[in-house]
């Protein structure tokens, strides 16, 4: 992979958040970002080797089927959104 893509598990762990928190934050800001520049969706049928490699490195959750990868800039924005969600659940 050409970019230093970041997984949702890595974002959750960086923020000491429960599984799924980074995904919910991503969904709230997704419209402001573009695929494939800012994020990539890997499908289990087409990208199994990459997904299995990331699973073996424990960079994704063991239950992950399809995978969302974030650019460093988007991962930073997701982390900021996660912090806003803590202070203002309506955010």
PDB file of N, CA and C in Angstrom:
ATOM      1  N   UNK A   1       0.847  -1.189   0.000  1.00  0.00           N
ATOM      2  CA  UNK A   1       0.000   0.000   0.000  1.00  0.00           C
ATOM      3  C   UNK A   1       0.883   1.241   0.000  1.00  0.00           C
ATOM      4  N   UNK A   2       0.524   2.200  -0.825  1.00  0.00           N
ATOM      5  CA  UNK A   2       1.368   3.356  -1.026  1.00  0.00           C
ATOM      6  C   UNK A   2       1.330   4.383   0.097  1.00  0.00           C
ATOM      7  N   UNK A   3       0.221   4.517   0.783  1.00  0.00           N
ATOM      8  CA  UNK A   3       0.103   5.467   1.887  1.00  0.00           C
ATOM      9  C   UNK A   3       0.289   4.740   3.204  1.00  0.00           C
ATOM     10  N   UNK A   4       0.468   5.503   4.233  1.00  0.00           N
ATOM     11  CA  UNK A   4       0.497   4.938   5.583  1.00  0.00           C
ATOM     12  C   UNK A   4      -0.939   4.883   6.100  1.00  0.00           C
ATOM     13  N   UNK A   5      -1.708   3.991   5.534  1.00  0.00           N
ATOM     14  CA  UNK A   5      -3.117   3.871   5.901  1.00  0.00           C
ATOM     15  C   UNK A   5      -3.251   3.451   7.358  1.00  0.00           C
ATOM     16  N   UNK A   6      -4.296   3.928   7.997  1.00  0.00           N
ATOM     17  CA  UNK A   6      -4.540   3.681   9.410  1.00  0.00           C
ATOM     18  C   UNK A   6      -5.881   2.975   9.535  1.00  0.00           C
ATOM     19  N   UNK A   7      -5.934   1.975  10.401  1.00  0.00           N
ATOM     20  CA  UNK A   7      -7.168   1.206  10.575  1.00  0.00           C
ATOM     21  C   UNK A   7      -8.028   1.813  11.673  1.00  0.00           C
ATOM     22  N   UNK A   8      -9.299   1.454  11.656  1.00  0.00           N
ATOM     23  CA  UNK A   8     -10.211   1.938  12.695  1.00  0.00           C
ATOM     24  C   UNK A   8      -9.811   1.407  14.070  1.00  0.00           C
ATOM     25  N   UNK A   9      -9.315   0.184  14.123  1.00  0.00           N
ATOM     26  CA  UNK A   9      -8.861  -0.353  15.404  1.00  0.00           C
ATOM     27  C   UNK A   9      -7.728   0.513  15.964  1.00  0.00           C
ATOM     28  N   UNK A  10      -6.806   0.909  15.107  1.00  0.00           N
ATOM     29  CA  UNK A  10      -5.693   1.745  15.563  1.00  0.00           C
ATOM     30  C   UNK A  10      -6.189   3.092  16.089  1.00  0.00           C
ATOM     31  N   UNK A  11      -7.209   3.650  15.441  1.00  0.00           N
ATOM     32  CA  UNK A  11      -7.775   4.921  15.915  1.00  0.00           C
ATOM     33  C   UNK A  11      -8.488   4.708  17.247  1.00  0.00           C
ATOM     34  N   UNK A  12      -9.311   3.665  17.343  1.00  0.00           N
ATOM     35  CA  UNK A  12      -9.983   3.362  18.614  1.00  0.00           C
ATOM     36  C   UNK A  12      -8.959   3.218  19.736  1.00  0.00           C
ATOM     37  N   UNK A  13      -7.905   2.467  19.481  1.00  0.00           N
ATOM     38  CA  UNK A  13      -6.895   2.235  20.514  1.00  0.00           C
ATOM     39  C   UNK A  13      -6.144   3.514  20.874  1.00  0.00           C
ATOM     40  N   UNK A  14      -5.856   4.360  19.887  1.00  0.00           N
ATOM     41  CA  UNK A  14      -5.150   5.611  20.157  1.00  0.00           C
ATOM     42  C   UNK A  14      -5.965   6.529  21.056  1.00  0.00           C
ATOM     43  N   UNK A  15      -7.280   6.436  20.942  1.00  0.00           N
ATOM     44  CA  UNK A  15      -8.178   7.271  21.756  1.00  0.00           C
ATOM     45  C   UNK A  15      -8.703   6.528  22.981  1.00  0.00           C
ATOM     46  N   UNK A  16      -8.227   5.314  23.206  1.00  0.00           N
ATOM     47  CA  UNK A  16      -8.696   4.481  24.325  1.00  0.00           C
ATOM     48  C   UNK A  16     -10.218   4.388  24.305  1.00  0.00           C
ATOM     49  N   UNK A  17     -10.742   4.135  23.119  1.00  0.00           N
ATOM     50  CA  UNK A  17     -12.185   4.088  22.904  1.00  0.00           C
ATOM     51  C   UNK A  17     -12.634   2.657  22.617  1.00  0.00           C
ATOM     52  N   UNK A  18     -13.905   2.435  22.844  1.00  0.00           N
ATOM     53  CA  UNK A  18     -14.500   1.125  22.574  1.00  0.00           C
ATOM     54  C   UNK A  18     -14.552   0.862  21.076  1.00  0.00           C
ATOM     55  N   UNK A  19     -14.533  -0.420  20.723  1.00  0.00           N
ATOM     56  CA  UNK A  19     -14.652  -0.837  19.329  1.00  0.00           C
ATOM     57  C   UNK A  19     -15.882  -0.175  18.710  1.00  0.00           C
ATOM     58  N   UNK A  20     -15.697   0.363  17.528  1.00  0.00           N
ATOM     59  CA  UNK A  20     -16.809   0.977  16.808  1.00  0.00           C
ATOM     60  C   UNK A  20     -16.898   2.488  16.955  1.00  0.00           C
ATOM     61  N   UNK A  21     -16.200   3.044  17.922  1.00  0.00           N
ATOM     62  CA  UNK A  21     -16.267   4.485  18.139  1.00  0.00           C
ATOM     63  C   UNK A  21     -15.679   5.244  16.958  1.00  0.00           C
ATOM     64  N   UNK A  22     -14.536   4.807  16.463  1.00  0.00           N
ATOM     65  CA  UNK A  22     -13.910   5.477  15.319  1.00  0.00           C
ATOM     66  C   UNK A  22     -14.808   5.380  14.084  1.00  0.00           C
ATOM     67  N   UNK A  23     -15.460   4.247  13.892  1.00  0.00           N
ATOM     68  CA  UNK A  23     -16.350   4.104  12.738  1.00  0.00           C
ATOM     69  C   UNK A  23     -17.513   5.077  12.832  1.00  0.00           C
ATOM     70  N   UNK A  24     -18.116   5.192  14.011  1.00  0.00           N
ATOM     71  CA  UNK A  24     -19.232   6.132  14.174  1.00  0.00           C
ATOM     72  C   UNK A  24     -18.769   7.565  13.927  1.00  0.00           C
ATOM     73  N   UNK A  25     -17.579   7.905  14.397  1.00  0.00           N
ATOM     74  CA  UNK A  25     -17.035   9.243  14.162  1.00  0.00           C
ATOM     75  C   UNK A  25     -16.787   9.462  12.668  1.00  0.00           C
ATOM     76  N   UNK A  26     -16.228   8.463  12.001  1.00  0.00           N
ATOM     77  CA  UNK A  26     -15.995   8.550  10.556  1.00  0.00           C
ATOM     78  C   UNK A  26     -17.302   8.821   9.824  1.00  0.00           C
ATOM     79  N   UNK A  27     -18.350   8.086  10.168  1.00  0.00           N
ATOM     80  CA  UNK A  27     -19.639   8.242   9.482  1.00  0.00           C
ATOM     81  C   UNK A  27     -20.176   9.669   9.613  1.00  0.00           C
ATOM     82  N   UNK A  28     -19.878  10.321  10.733  1.00  0.00           N
ATOM     83  CA  UNK A  28     -20.373  11.685  10.944  1.00  0.00           C
ATOM     84  C   UNK A  28     -19.643  12.716  10.087  1.00  0.00           C
ATOM     85  N   UNK A  29     -18.417  12.431   9.663  1.00  0.00           N
ATOM     86  CA  UNK A  29     -17.656  13.399   8.876  1.00  0.00           C
ATOM     87  C   UNK A  29     -17.339  12.900   7.461  1.00  0.00           C
ATOM     88  N   UNK A  30     -17.783  11.736   7.137  1.00  0.00           N
ATOM     89  CA  UNK A  30     -17.453  11.076   5.864  1.00  0.00           C
ATOM     90  C   UNK A  30     -17.729  11.947   4.641  1.00  0.00           C
ATOM     91  N   UNK A  31     -18.795  12.704   4.651  1.00  0.00           N
ATOM     92  CA  UNK A  31     -19.193  13.490   3.477  1.00  0.00           C
ATOM     93  C   UNK A  31     -18.153  14.533   3.084  1.00  0.00           C
ATOM     94  N   UNK A  32     -17.276  14.885   3.984  1.00  0.00           N
ATOM     95  CA  UNK A  32     -16.259  15.913   3.719  1.00  0.00           C
ATOM     96  C   UNK A  32     -14.966  15.326   3.145  1.00  0.00           C
ATOM     97  N   UNK A  33     -14.930  14.017   2.952  1.00  0.00           N
ATOM     98  CA  UNK A  33     -13.713  13.334   2.527  1.00  0.00           C
ATOM     99  C   UNK A  33     -14.014  12.494   1.287  1.00  0.00           C
ATOM    100  N   UNK A  34     -12.970  12.130   0.557  1.00  0.00           N
ATOM    101  CA  UNK A  34     -13.158  11.431  -0.717  1.00  0.00           C
ATOM    102  C   UNK A  34     -12.408  10.104  -0.754  1.00  0.00           C
ATOM    103  N   UNK A  35     -13.090   9.121  -1.339  1.00  0.00           N
ATOM    104  CA  UNK A  35     -12.436   7.845  -1.621  1.00  0.00           C
ATOM    105  C   UNK A  35     -11.878   7.928  -3.041  1.00  0.00           C
ATOM    106  N   UNK A  36     -10.735   7.493  -3.370  1.00  0.00           N
ATOM    107  CA  UNK A  36      -9.769   6.728  -2.599  1.00  0.00           C
ATOM    108  C   UNK A  36      -8.643   7.576  -1.983  1.00  0.00           C
ATOM    109  N   UNK A  37      -8.695   8.898  -2.160  1.00  0.00           N
ATOM    110  CA  UNK A  37      -7.619   9.736  -1.638  1.00  0.00           C
ATOM    111  C   UNK A  37      -7.540   9.703  -0.114  1.00  0.00           C
ATOM    112  N   UNK A  38      -8.684   9.805   0.552  1.00  0.00           N
ATOM    113  CA  UNK A  38      -8.715   9.939   2.006  1.00  0.00           C
ATOM    114  C   UNK A  38      -9.058   8.646   2.733  1.00  0.00           C
ATOM    115  N   UNK A  39      -9.764   7.779   2.077  1.00  0.00           N
ATOM    116  CA  UNK A  39     -10.080   6.481   2.675  1.00  0.00           C
ATOM    117  C   UNK A  39     -10.261   5.445   1.586  1.00  0.00           C
ATOM    118  N   UNK A  40     -10.081   4.208   1.989  1.00  0.00           N
ATOM    119  CA  UNK A  40     -10.270   3.074   1.075  1.00  0.00           C
ATOM    120  C   UNK A  40     -11.134   2.037   1.766  1.00  0.00           C
ATOM    121  N   UNK A  41     -12.014   1.443   0.997  1.00  0.00           N
ATOM    122  CA  UNK A  41     -12.824   0.340   1.496  1.00  0.00           C
ATOM    123  C   UNK A  41     -12.316  -0.923   0.810  1.00  0.00           C
ATOM    124  N   UNK A  42     -11.878  -1.874   1.612  1.00  0.00           N
ATOM    125  CA  UNK A  42     -11.399  -3.147   1.077  1.00  0.00           C
ATOM    126  C   UNK A  42     -12.492  -4.191   1.278  1.00  0.00           C
ATOM    127  N   UNK A  43     -12.807  -4.916   0.222  1.00  0.00           N
ATOM    128  CA  UNK A  43     -13.856  -5.929   0.268  1.00  0.00           C
ATOM    129  C   UNK A  43     -13.235  -7.308   0.459  1.00  0.00           C
ATOM    130  N   UNK A  44     -13.854  -8.108   1.291  1.00  0.00           N
ATOM    131  CA  UNK A  44     -13.289  -9.413   1.634  1.00  0.00           C
ATOM    132  C   UNK A  44     -13.067 -10.319   0.420  1.00  0.00           C
ATOM    133  N   UNK A  45     -13.886 -10.194  -0.606  1.00  0.00           N
ATOM    134  CA  UNK A  45     -13.697 -11.039  -1.798  1.00  0.00           C
ATOM    135  C   UNK A  45     -12.513 -10.586  -2.646  1.00  0.00           C
ATOM    136  N   UNK A  46     -12.320  -9.286  -2.740  1.00  0.00           N
ATOM    137  CA  UNK A  46     -11.301  -8.738  -3.631  1.00  0.00           C
ATOM    138  C   UNK A  46      -9.952  -8.477  -2.951  1.00  0.00           C
ATOM    139  N   UNK A  47      -9.970  -8.252  -1.664  1.00  0.00           N
ATOM    140  CA  UNK A  47      -8.768  -7.790  -0.956  1.00  0.00           C
ATOM    141  C   UNK A  47      -8.402  -8.699   0.217  1.00  0.00           C
ATOM    142  N   UNK A  48      -8.731  -9.958   0.093  1.00  0.00           N
ATOM    143  CA  UNK A  48      -8.525 -10.910   1.201  1.00  0.00           C
ATOM    144  C   UNK A  48      -7.079 -10.945   1.689  1.00  0.00           C
ATOM    145  N   UNK A  49      -6.109 -10.902   0.790  1.00  0.00           N
ATOM    146  CA  UNK A  49      -4.699 -10.997   1.197  1.00  0.00           C
ATOM    147  C   UNK A  49      -4.288  -9.822   2.078  1.00  0.00           C
ATOM    148  N   UNK A  50      -4.706  -8.623   1.712  1.00  0.00           N
ATOM    149  CA  UNK A  50      -4.374  -7.440   2.517  1.00  0.00           C
ATOM    150  C   UNK A  50      -5.070  -7.523   3.869  1.00  0.00           C
ATOM    151  N   UNK A  51      -6.343  -7.880   3.861  1.00  0.00           N
ATOM    152  CA  UNK A  51      -7.104  -7.981   5.108  1.00  0.00           C
ATOM    153  C   UNK A  51      -6.486  -9.036   6.019  1.00  0.00           C
ATOM    154  N   UNK A  52      -6.150 -10.184   5.468  1.00  0.00           N
ATOM    155  CA  UNK A  52      -5.540 -11.244   6.277  1.00  0.00           C
ATOM    156  C   UNK A  52      -4.191 -10.810   6.834  1.00  0.00           C
ATOM    157  N   UNK A  53      -3.424 -10.075   6.051  1.00  0.00           N
ATOM    158  CA  UNK A  53      -2.128  -9.578   6.517  1.00  0.00           C
ATOM    159  C   UNK A  53      -2.290  -8.607   7.683  1.00  0.00           C
ATOM    160  N   UNK A  54      -3.244  -7.703   7.568  1.00  0.00           N
ATOM    161  CA  UNK A  54      -3.494  -6.748   8.656  1.00  0.00           C
ATOM    162  C   UNK A  54      -4.039  -7.451   9.896  1.00  0.00           C
ATOM    163  N   UNK A  55      -4.857  -8.485   9.687  1.00  0.00           N
ATOM    164  CA  UNK A  55      -5.376  -9.258  10.818  1.00  0.00           C
ATOM    165  C   UNK A  55      -4.223  -9.972  11.526  1.00  0.00           C
ATOM    166  N   UNK A  56      -3.302 -10.559  10.769  1.00  0.00           N
ATOM    167  CA  UNK A  56      -2.161 -11.270  11.351  1.00  0.00           C
ATOM    168  C   UNK A  56      -1.272 -10.326  12.161  1.00  0.00           C
ATOM    169  N   UNK A  57      -1.218  -9.071  11.748  1.00  0.00           N
ATOM    170  CA  UNK A  57      -0.423  -8.064  12.463  1.00  0.00           C
ATOM    171  C   UNK A  57      -1.212  -7.423  13.606  1.00  0.00           C
ATOM    172  N   UNK A  58      -2.445  -7.876  13.804  1.00  0.00           N
ATOM    173  CA  UNK A  58      -3.363  -7.371  14.836  1.00  0.00           C
ATOM    174  C   UNK A  58      -3.639  -5.872  14.680  1.00  0.00           C
ATOM    175  N   UNK A  59      -3.709  -5.426  13.435  1.00  0.00           N
ATOM    176  CA  UNK A  59      -4.022  -4.027  13.162  1.00  0.00           C
ATOM    177  C   UNK A  59      -5.519  -3.816  12.945  1.00  0.00           C
ATOM    178  N   UNK A  60      -6.264  -4.925  12.802  1.00  0.00           N
ATOM    179  CA  UNK A  60      -7.713  -4.836  12.642  1.00  0.00           C
ATOM    180  C   UNK A  60      -8.359  -5.779  13.646  1.00  0.00           C
ATOM    181  N   UNK A  61      -9.646  -5.576  13.874  1.00  0.00           N
ATOM    182  CA  UNK A  61     -10.385  -6.454  14.775  1.00  0.00           C
ATOM    183  C   UNK A  61     -10.529  -7.842  14.151  1.00  0.00           C
ATOM    184  N   UNK A  62     -10.505  -8.850  14.967  1.00  0.00           N
ATOM    185  CA  UNK A  62     -10.597 -10.222  14.453  1.00  0.00           C
ATOM    186  C   UNK A  62     -11.912 -10.478  13.728  1.00  0.00           C
ATOM    187  N   UNK A  63     -12.953  -9.740  14.074  1.00  0.00           N
ATOM    188  CA  UNK A  63     -14.264  -9.925  13.445  1.00  0.00           C
ATOM    189  C   UNK A  63     -14.433  -9.138  12.148  1.00  0.00           C
ATOM    190  N   UNK A  64     -13.430  -8.368  11.754  1.00  0.00           N
ATOM    191  CA  UNK A  64     -13.527  -7.533  10.551  1.00  0.00           C
ATOM    192  C   UNK A  64     -13.730  -8.403   9.307  1.00  0.00           C
ATOM    193  N   UNK A  65     -14.695  -8.019   8.489  1.00  0.00           N
ATOM    194  CA  UNK A  65     -14.950  -8.702   7.223  1.00  0.00           C
ATOM    195  C   UNK A  65     -14.477  -7.789   6.083  1.00  0.00           C
ATOM    196  N   UNK A  66     -15.125  -6.650   5.937  1.00  0.00           N
ATOM    197  CA  UNK A  66     -14.690  -5.634   4.979  1.00  0.00           C
ATOM    198  C   UNK A  66     -13.969  -4.561   5.793  1.00  0.00           C
ATOM    199  N   UNK A  67     -13.039  -3.874   5.157  1.00  0.00           N
ATOM    200  CA  UNK A  67     -12.129  -3.032   5.914  1.00  0.00           C
ATOM    201  C   UNK A  67     -12.127  -1.608   5.401  1.00  0.00           C
ATOM    202  N   UNK A  68     -12.131  -0.669   6.325  1.00  0.00           N
ATOM    203  CA  UNK A  68     -12.022   0.752   6.013  1.00  0.00           C
ATOM    204  C   UNK A  68     -10.654   1.227   6.468  1.00  0.00           C
ATOM    205  N   UNK A  69      -9.893   1.790   5.537  1.00  0.00           N
ATOM    206  CA  UNK A  69      -8.578   2.338   5.855  1.00  0.00           C
ATOM    207  C   UNK A  69      -8.636   3.855   5.717  1.00  0.00           C
ATOM    208  N   UNK A  70      -7.968   4.554   6.624  1.00  0.00           N
ATOM    209  CA  UNK A  70      -7.989   6.012   6.640  1.00  0.00           C
ATOM    210  C   UNK A  70      -6.613   6.576   6.326  1.00  0.00           C
ATOM    211  N   UNK A  71      -6.590   7.690   5.612  1.00  0.00           N
ATOM    212  CA  UNK A  71      -5.339   8.423   5.415  1.00  0.00           C
ATOM    213  C   UNK A  71      -4.953   9.033   6.766  1.00  0.00           C
ATOM    214  N   UNK A  72      -3.680   9.394   6.940  1.00  0.00           N
ATOM    215  CA  UNK A  72      -3.295  10.039   8.201  1.00  0.00           C
ATOM    216  C   UNK A  72      -4.114  11.298   8.505  1.00  0.00           C
ATOM    217  N   UNK A  73      -4.395  12.110   7.487  1.00  0.00           N
ATOM    218  CA  UNK A  73      -5.179  13.331   7.714  1.00  0.00           C
ATOM    219  C   UNK A  73      -6.598  13.002   8.173  1.00  0.00           C
ATOM    220  N   UNK A  74      -7.213  12.018   7.546  1.00  0.00           N
ATOM    221  CA  UNK A  74      -8.566  11.632   7.945  1.00  0.00           C
ATOM    222  C   UNK A  74      -8.557  10.984   9.321  1.00  0.00           C
ATOM    223  N   UNK A  75      -7.549  10.197   9.624  1.00  0.00           N
ATOM    224  CA  UNK A  75      -7.467   9.592  10.964  1.00  0.00           C
ATOM    225  C   UNK A  75      -7.390  10.681  12.029  1.00  0.00           C
ATOM    226  N   UNK A  76      -6.651  11.742  11.763  1.00  0.00           N
ATOM    227  CA  UNK A  76      -6.569  12.868  12.702  1.00  0.00           C
ATOM    228  C   UNK A  76      -7.934  13.524  12.861  1.00  0.00           C
ATOM    229  N   UNK A  77      -8.643  13.701  11.763  1.00  0.00           N
ATOM    230  CA  UNK A  77      -9.982  14.297  11.817  1.00  0.00           C
ATOM    231  C   UNK A  77     -10.961  13.396  12.561  1.00  0.00           C
ATOM    232  N   UNK A  78     -10.860  12.091  12.364  1.00  0.00           N
ATOM    233  CA  UNK A  78     -11.731  11.146  13.073  1.00  0.00           C
ATOM    234  C   UNK A  78     -11.454  11.212  14.571  1.00  0.00           C
ATOM    235  N   UNK A  79     -10.187  11.279  14.943  1.00  0.00           N
ATOM    236  CA  UNK A  79      -9.841  11.379  16.371  1.00  0.00           C
ATOM    237  C   UNK A  79     -10.411  12.660  16.972  1.00  0.00           C
ATOM    238  N   UNK A  80     -10.340  13.755  16.243  1.00  0.00           N
ATOM    239  CA  UNK A  80     -10.913  15.014  16.732  1.00  0.00           C
ATOM    240  C   UNK A  80     -12.428  14.888  16.885  1.00  0.00           C
ATOM    241  N   UNK A  81     -13.070  14.228  15.921  1.00  0.00           N
ATOM    242  CA  UNK A  81     -14.522  14.017  16.001  1.00  0.00           C
ATOM    243  C   UNK A  81     -14.861  13.131  17.196  1.00  0.00           C
ATOM    244  N   UNK A  82     -14.060  12.132  17.456  1.00  0.00           N
ATOM    245  CA  UNK A  82     -14.301  11.259  18.611  1.00  0.00           C
ATOM    246  C   UNK A  82     -14.258  12.072  19.902  1.00  0.00           C
ATOM    247  N   UNK A  83     -13.306  12.991  20.005  1.00  0.00           N
ATOM    248  CA  UNK A  83     -13.200  13.829  21.207  1.00  0.00           C
ATOM    249  C   UNK A  83     -14.414  14.742  21.328  1.00  0.00           C
ATOM    250  N   UNK A  84     -14.889  15.277  20.202  1.00  0.00           N
ATOM    251  CA  UNK A  84     -16.098  16.124  20.235  1.00  0.00           C
ATOM    252  C   UNK A  84     -17.308  15.300  20.681  1.00  0.00           C
ATOM    253  N   UNK A  85     -17.382  14.057  20.254  1.00  0.00           N
ATOM    254  CA  UNK A  85     -18.504  13.188  20.619  1.00  0.00           C
ATOM    255  C   UNK A  85     -18.524  12.910  22.123  1.00  0.00           C
ATOM    256  N   UNK A  86     -17.362  12.901  22.746  1.00  0.00           N
ATOM    257  CA  UNK A  86     -17.287  12.671  24.191  1.00  0.00           C
ATOM    258  C   UNK A  86     -17.831  13.892  24.941  1.00  0.00           C
ATOM    259  N   UNK A  87     -17.423  15.077  24.505  1.00  0.00           N
ATOM    260  CA  UNK A  87     -17.846  16.288  25.211  1.00  0.00           C
ATOM    261  C   UNK A  87     -19.252  16.725  24.834  1.00  0.00           C
ATOM    262  N   UNK A  88     -19.709  16.360  23.630  1.00  0.00           N
ATOM    263  CA  UNK A  88     -21.043  16.725  23.176  1.00  0.00           C
ATOM    264  C   UNK A  88     -21.615  15.561  22.379  1.00  0.00           C
ATOM    265  N   UNK A  89     -22.350  14.655  23.037  1.00  0.00           N
ATOM    266  CA  UNK A  89     -22.868  13.459  22.348  1.00  0.00           C
ATOM    267  C   UNK A  89     -23.711  13.745  21.117  1.00  0.00           C
ATOM    268  N   UNK A  90     -24.265  14.949  21.008  1.00  0.00           N
ATOM    269  CA  UNK A  90     -25.053  15.317  19.832  1.00  0.00           C
ATOM    270  C   UNK A  90     -24.166  15.641  18.635  1.00  0.00           C
ATOM    271  N   UNK A  91     -22.888  15.833  18.878  1.00  0.00           N
ATOM    272  CA  UNK A  91     -21.936  16.222  17.820  1.00  0.00           C
ATOM    273  C   UNK A  91     -21.747  15.114  16.814  1.00  0.00           C
TER     274      UNK A  91
END
